[in-house]
N, C-alpha and C. Protein backbone atom coordinates (compact mmCIF):
# COMPACT_ATOMS: atom_id res chain seq x y z
N MET A 1 0.86 -1.12 -0.02
CA MET A 1 0.00 0.13 -0.01
C MET A 1 0.93 1.21 -0.03
N SER A 2 0.71 2.21 -0.81
CA SER A 2 1.36 3.50 -0.96
C SER A 2 0.53 4.57 -0.74
N ILE A 3 1.02 5.61 -0.18
CA ILE A 3 0.31 7.03 -0.05
C ILE A 3 0.98 8.19 -0.57
N GLU A 4 0.44 8.98 -1.17
CA GLU A 4 1.10 10.07 -1.77
C GLU A 4 0.06 11.19 -1.65
N PHE A 5 0.58 12.55 -1.57
CA PHE A 5 -0.30 13.66 -1.36
C PHE A 5 0.22 14.86 -1.93
N GLU A 6 -0.57 15.87 -2.49
CA GLU A 6 -0.26 17.08 -3.13
C GLU A 6 -1.23 18.12 -2.32
N ASP A 7 -0.73 19.26 -1.80
CA ASP A 7 -1.39 20.34 -1.46
C ASP A 7 -1.63 21.25 -2.66
N LEU A 8 -2.95 21.22 -3.15
CA LEU A 8 -3.39 21.98 -4.38
C LEU A 8 -3.50 23.53 -4.06
N ASN A 9 -3.78 23.99 -2.94
CA ASN A 9 -3.81 25.10 -2.51
C ASN A 9 -3.86 25.13 -0.73
N ASP A 10 -4.03 26.31 -0.19
CA ASP A 10 -3.94 26.28 1.26
C ASP A 10 -5.11 25.49 1.91
N GLY A 11 -6.28 25.19 1.18
CA GLY A 11 -7.23 24.62 1.91
C GLY A 11 -7.67 23.41 1.35
N LEU A 12 -6.88 22.74 0.21
CA LEU A 12 -7.34 21.68 -0.54
C LEU A 12 -6.33 20.60 -0.57
N ARG A 13 -6.39 19.54 -0.21
CA ARG A 13 -5.23 18.51 -0.49
C ARG A 13 -5.78 17.25 -1.22
N ARG A 14 -5.04 16.62 -1.94
CA ARG A 14 -5.25 15.31 -2.81
C ARG A 14 -4.53 14.34 -1.95
N ILE A 15 -4.97 13.23 -1.57
CA ILE A 15 -4.32 12.11 -1.18
C ILE A 15 -4.57 10.94 -2.09
N LYS A 16 -3.55 10.36 -2.61
CA LYS A 16 -3.79 9.31 -3.66
C LYS A 16 -3.30 7.87 -3.12
N LEU A 17 -4.14 7.10 -2.71
CA LEU A 17 -3.80 5.66 -2.26
C LEU A 17 -3.81 4.71 -3.38
N SER A 18 -2.66 3.70 -3.31
CA SER A 18 -2.54 2.78 -4.05
C SER A 18 -2.31 1.45 -3.51
N GLY A 19 -2.76 0.29 -4.16
CA GLY A 19 -2.75 -1.03 -3.63
C GLY A 19 -3.97 -1.69 -3.06
N ARG A 20 -3.81 -2.50 -1.95
CA ARG A 20 -5.07 -3.13 -1.39
C ARG A 20 -5.21 -2.52 0.07
N LEU A 21 -6.41 -2.11 0.44
CA LEU A 21 -6.84 -1.57 1.57
C LEU A 21 -7.44 -2.64 2.30
N ASP A 22 -6.71 -3.77 2.60
CA ASP A 22 -7.14 -4.86 3.36
C ASP A 22 -6.26 -4.50 4.67
N ILE A 23 -6.26 -5.54 5.56
CA ILE A 23 -5.82 -5.35 6.98
C ILE A 23 -4.35 -4.88 7.13
N ALA A 24 -3.53 -5.53 6.15
CA ALA A 24 -2.00 -5.18 6.09
C ALA A 24 -1.92 -3.71 5.51
N GLY A 25 -2.56 -3.61 4.41
CA GLY A 25 -2.56 -2.21 3.54
C GLY A 25 -3.01 -1.10 4.52
N THR A 26 -4.15 -1.33 5.30
CA THR A 26 -4.60 -0.32 6.05
C THR A 26 -3.78 -0.08 7.11
N GLU A 27 -3.06 -0.92 8.00
CA GLU A 27 -2.22 -0.70 9.01
C GLU A 27 -0.96 -0.01 8.47
N SER A 28 -0.62 -0.30 7.27
CA SER A 28 0.80 0.24 6.86
C SER A 28 0.57 1.83 6.38
N ILE A 29 -0.60 2.34 6.22
CA ILE A 29 -0.91 3.85 6.03
C ILE A 29 -1.76 4.56 6.92
N SER A 30 -2.22 3.77 7.98
CA SER A 30 -3.18 4.34 8.76
C SER A 30 -2.57 5.61 9.56
N ILE A 31 -1.47 5.65 10.27
CA ILE A 31 -0.97 6.87 10.79
C ILE A 31 -0.57 7.99 9.95
N LYS A 32 -0.07 7.77 8.89
CA LYS A 32 0.18 8.93 7.86
C LYS A 32 -1.12 9.39 7.27
N PHE A 33 -2.04 8.55 6.94
CA PHE A 33 -3.33 8.82 6.34
C PHE A 33 -3.97 9.84 7.40
N THR A 34 -4.15 9.45 8.68
CA THR A 34 -4.69 10.19 9.71
C THR A 34 -4.08 11.56 9.70
N ASN A 35 -2.87 11.74 9.76
CA ASN A 35 -2.08 12.84 9.80
C ASN A 35 -2.42 13.82 8.64
N LEU A 36 -2.45 13.22 7.37
CA LEU A 36 -2.67 14.02 6.20
C LEU A 36 -4.20 14.20 6.04
N ALA A 37 -5.10 13.40 6.38
CA ALA A 37 -6.42 13.50 6.11
C ALA A 37 -7.23 14.43 7.22
N SER A 38 -6.98 14.49 8.37
CA SER A 38 -7.81 14.84 9.40
C SER A 38 -7.12 15.89 10.33
N ALA A 39 -5.78 15.97 10.37
CA ALA A 39 -5.09 16.74 11.32
C ALA A 39 -5.36 18.22 11.44
N VAL A 40 -5.82 18.77 10.25
CA VAL A 40 -6.02 20.09 10.16
C VAL A 40 -7.42 20.39 9.37
N ALA A 41 -8.00 21.25 9.64
CA ALA A 41 -9.36 21.42 8.99
C ALA A 41 -8.99 22.15 7.58
N ARG A 42 -9.58 21.32 6.61
CA ARG A 42 -9.39 21.52 5.17
C ARG A 42 -10.31 20.62 4.36
N ARG A 43 -10.35 20.93 3.00
CA ARG A 43 -11.02 20.01 2.19
C ARG A 43 -10.06 19.02 1.48
N VAL A 44 -10.31 17.67 1.59
CA VAL A 44 -9.52 16.63 1.20
C VAL A 44 -10.34 15.76 0.01
N VAL A 45 -9.57 15.50 -0.94
CA VAL A 45 -9.98 14.51 -2.00
C VAL A 45 -9.17 13.21 -1.70
N VAL A 46 -9.65 12.17 -1.46
CA VAL A 46 -9.03 10.99 -1.52
C VAL A 46 -9.26 10.23 -2.82
N ASP A 47 -8.19 10.10 -3.58
CA ASP A 47 -8.03 9.31 -4.85
C ASP A 47 -8.03 7.92 -4.51
N LEU A 48 -9.06 7.04 -4.84
CA LEU A 48 -8.81 5.82 -4.64
C LEU A 48 -8.89 4.97 -5.96
N THR A 49 -8.44 5.60 -7.23
CA THR A 49 -8.53 5.01 -8.38
C THR A 49 -7.52 3.96 -8.65
N ALA A 50 -6.48 3.86 -7.63
CA ALA A 50 -5.25 2.83 -7.75
C ALA A 50 -5.45 1.93 -6.65
N VAL A 51 -6.56 2.00 -6.05
CA VAL A 51 -6.95 0.97 -4.91
C VAL A 51 -7.57 -0.20 -5.62
N SER A 52 -6.95 -1.30 -5.54
CA SER A 52 -7.51 -2.53 -6.26
C SER A 52 -8.44 -3.41 -5.34
N PHE A 53 -8.57 -3.36 -4.00
CA PHE A 53 -9.26 -4.10 -2.93
C PHE A 53 -9.65 -3.17 -1.72
N LEU A 54 -10.83 -3.06 -1.44
CA LEU A 54 -11.18 -2.37 -0.29
C LEU A 54 -11.92 -3.22 0.69
N ALA A 55 -11.41 -3.55 1.88
CA ALA A 55 -11.93 -4.39 2.76
C ALA A 55 -12.65 -3.44 3.78
N SER A 56 -13.48 -3.96 4.78
CA SER A 56 -14.21 -3.37 5.57
C SER A 56 -13.32 -2.35 6.60
N ILE A 57 -12.27 -2.94 7.07
CA ILE A 57 -11.30 -2.18 7.76
C ILE A 57 -10.86 -0.97 7.00
N GLY A 58 -10.69 -1.02 5.65
CA GLY A 58 -10.14 0.20 4.87
C GLY A 58 -11.38 1.26 4.77
N ILE A 59 -12.67 0.64 4.76
CA ILE A 59 -13.81 1.59 4.73
C ILE A 59 -13.85 2.43 6.00
N ARG A 60 -13.69 1.52 7.05
CA ARG A 60 -13.67 2.14 8.51
C ARG A 60 -12.54 3.26 8.45
N GLU A 61 -11.53 3.06 7.97
CA GLU A 61 -10.40 4.09 8.15
C GLU A 61 -10.84 5.34 7.37
N LEU A 62 -11.38 5.05 6.37
CA LEU A 62 -11.81 6.42 5.45
C LEU A 62 -12.89 6.94 6.21
N ILE A 63 -13.92 6.38 6.76
CA ILE A 63 -15.13 7.04 7.59
C ILE A 63 -14.46 7.69 8.78
N THR A 64 -13.78 7.07 9.41
CA THR A 64 -13.15 7.66 10.77
C THR A 64 -12.61 9.07 10.35
N ASN A 65 -11.69 8.99 9.37
CA ASN A 65 -10.98 10.18 9.10
C ASN A 65 -11.93 11.31 8.54
N ALA A 66 -12.85 11.03 7.81
CA ALA A 66 -13.78 11.69 7.24
C ALA A 66 -14.57 12.50 8.39
N LYS A 67 -15.11 11.82 9.41
CA LYS A 67 -15.71 12.37 10.51
C LYS A 67 -14.80 13.14 11.32
N ALA A 68 -13.60 12.80 11.53
CA ALA A 68 -12.76 13.82 12.27
C ALA A 68 -12.64 15.03 11.39
N GLN A 69 -12.43 15.10 10.22
CA GLN A 69 -12.15 16.14 9.33
C GLN A 69 -13.54 17.00 9.34
N GLN A 70 -14.72 16.38 9.52
CA GLN A 70 -15.90 17.12 9.40
C GLN A 70 -15.95 17.87 10.93
N GLN A 71 -15.58 17.20 12.05
CA GLN A 71 -15.66 17.85 13.22
C GLN A 71 -14.88 19.00 13.27
N ARG A 72 -13.77 19.21 12.42
CA ARG A 72 -12.82 20.30 12.52
C ARG A 72 -13.38 21.32 11.50
N GLY A 73 -14.32 21.10 10.73
CA GLY A 73 -15.11 22.23 9.95
C GLY A 73 -14.56 21.83 8.26
N GLY A 74 -13.99 20.80 8.15
CA GLY A 74 -13.46 20.67 6.75
C GLY A 74 -14.38 19.26 6.20
N ARG A 75 -13.96 18.90 5.16
CA ARG A 75 -14.81 17.85 4.45
C ARG A 75 -13.80 16.84 3.53
N VAL A 76 -14.17 15.75 3.54
CA VAL A 76 -13.51 14.67 2.83
C VAL A 76 -14.43 14.12 1.69
N VAL A 77 -13.85 14.07 0.39
CA VAL A 77 -14.67 13.50 -0.82
C VAL A 77 -13.87 12.32 -1.35
N LEU A 78 -14.46 11.15 -1.53
CA LEU A 78 -13.91 10.15 -2.09
C LEU A 78 -13.78 10.08 -3.43
N PHE A 79 -12.88 9.77 -4.24
CA PHE A 79 -12.88 9.61 -5.78
C PHE A 79 -12.58 8.12 -6.03
N VAL A 80 -13.47 7.56 -6.36
CA VAL A 80 -13.37 5.98 -6.51
C VAL A 80 -13.44 5.62 -8.14
N GLY A 81 -12.64 4.86 -8.51
CA GLY A 81 -12.71 4.25 -10.04
C GLY A 81 -13.51 3.01 -10.00
N ASP A 82 -13.66 2.47 -11.30
CA ASP A 82 -14.39 0.99 -11.25
C ASP A 82 -13.59 -0.20 -10.94
N ASN A 83 -12.32 0.34 -10.61
CA ASN A 83 -11.49 -0.96 -10.40
C ASN A 83 -11.49 -1.41 -8.96
N VAL A 84 -12.24 -0.63 -7.99
CA VAL A 84 -12.04 -0.98 -6.67
C VAL A 84 -13.21 -1.99 -6.37
N LEU A 85 -12.74 -3.17 -5.72
CA LEU A 85 -13.63 -4.33 -5.31
C LEU A 85 -13.48 -4.47 -3.81
N SER A 86 -14.77 -4.44 -3.37
CA SER A 86 -14.90 -4.72 -1.86
C SER A 86 -15.43 -6.01 -1.64
N ARG A 87 -15.36 -6.60 -0.48
CA ARG A 87 -16.03 -7.72 -0.12
C ARG A 87 -17.44 -7.79 -0.09
N GLY A 88 -17.96 -6.63 0.25
CA GLY A 88 -19.48 -6.45 0.16
C GLY A 88 -19.97 -6.43 -1.16
N GLN A 89 -19.27 -5.90 -2.12
CA GLN A 89 -19.74 -5.73 -3.51
C GLN A 89 -19.53 -7.15 -4.15
N ASP A 90 -18.69 -8.18 -3.78
CA ASP A 90 -18.47 -9.37 -4.39
C ASP A 90 -19.03 -10.56 -3.60
N THR A 91 -20.13 -10.24 -2.82
CA THR A 91 -20.75 -11.43 -2.01
C THR A 91 -21.48 -12.18 -3.12
N GLY A 92 -21.24 -13.50 -3.16
CA GLY A 92 -21.79 -14.46 -3.90
C GLY A 92 -21.27 -14.41 -5.44
N GLY A 93 -20.32 -13.63 -5.73
CA GLY A 93 -19.89 -13.45 -7.02
C GLY A 93 -20.72 -12.39 -7.72
N HIS A 94 -21.44 -11.78 -7.18
CA HIS A 94 -22.23 -10.67 -7.95
C HIS A 94 -21.84 -9.22 -7.45
N ARG A 95 -20.98 -8.59 -8.39
CA ARG A 95 -20.49 -7.17 -8.18
C ARG A 95 -21.91 -6.27 -8.27
N HIS A 96 -22.12 -5.72 -7.29
CA HIS A 96 -23.27 -4.80 -7.38
C HIS A 96 -23.03 -3.54 -8.17
N ARG A 97 -24.01 -3.03 -8.99
CA ARG A 97 -23.84 -1.83 -9.79
C ARG A 97 -24.91 -1.04 -9.94
N CYS A 98 -25.98 -1.23 -9.00
CA CYS A 98 -27.18 -0.53 -9.05
C CYS A 98 -26.92 0.83 -8.48
N ALA A 99 -27.61 1.93 -8.89
CA ALA A 99 -27.49 3.37 -8.56
C ALA A 99 -27.75 3.44 -7.06
N ASP A 100 -28.71 2.94 -6.67
CA ASP A 100 -29.26 3.10 -5.26
C ASP A 100 -29.34 1.41 -4.56
N PRO A 101 -28.25 0.98 -3.89
CA PRO A 101 -28.47 -0.34 -3.41
C PRO A 101 -29.45 -0.57 -2.34
N HIS A 102 -29.88 0.58 -1.54
CA HIS A 102 -30.85 0.39 -0.70
C HIS A 102 -32.35 0.03 -1.07
N VAL A 103 -32.48 0.45 -2.53
CA VAL A 103 -33.88 -0.04 -2.98
C VAL A 103 -33.49 -0.82 -4.18
N CYS A 104 -32.50 -1.40 -4.17
CA CYS A 104 -32.22 -2.43 -5.32
C CYS A 104 -32.88 -3.77 -4.98
N GLN A 105 -33.41 -4.38 -6.15
CA GLN A 105 -34.23 -5.56 -6.12
C GLN A 105 -33.33 -6.69 -6.89
N CYS A 106 -32.14 -6.57 -7.28
CA CYS A 106 -31.24 -7.41 -8.06
C CYS A 106 -30.77 -8.55 -7.15
N ARG A 107 -30.66 -8.60 -5.97
CA ARG A 107 -30.17 -9.65 -4.93
C ARG A 107 -30.97 -10.51 -4.52
């Protein structure tokens, strides 16, 4: 798992994650990600286009830091490509692609 960042201006930071956000991957970036994503109030774009797998622990890491940033008055936005596969999406071999999974009837 790798992590890169770029400050686009004083109030906007882009963080790019690459690899697998499974247990090992999440543990390897957790402290640095927290420092980059939620230590100071700002707008943060988290680029997940190079993440190949997203486990529940990775989702928890993203949500926890987004909530911390929100409490500071900032905001976190996730940019996700089609390549991200999570365990929840792959249950039973069916990759869920409905616009609103809460009202989906395809499962």
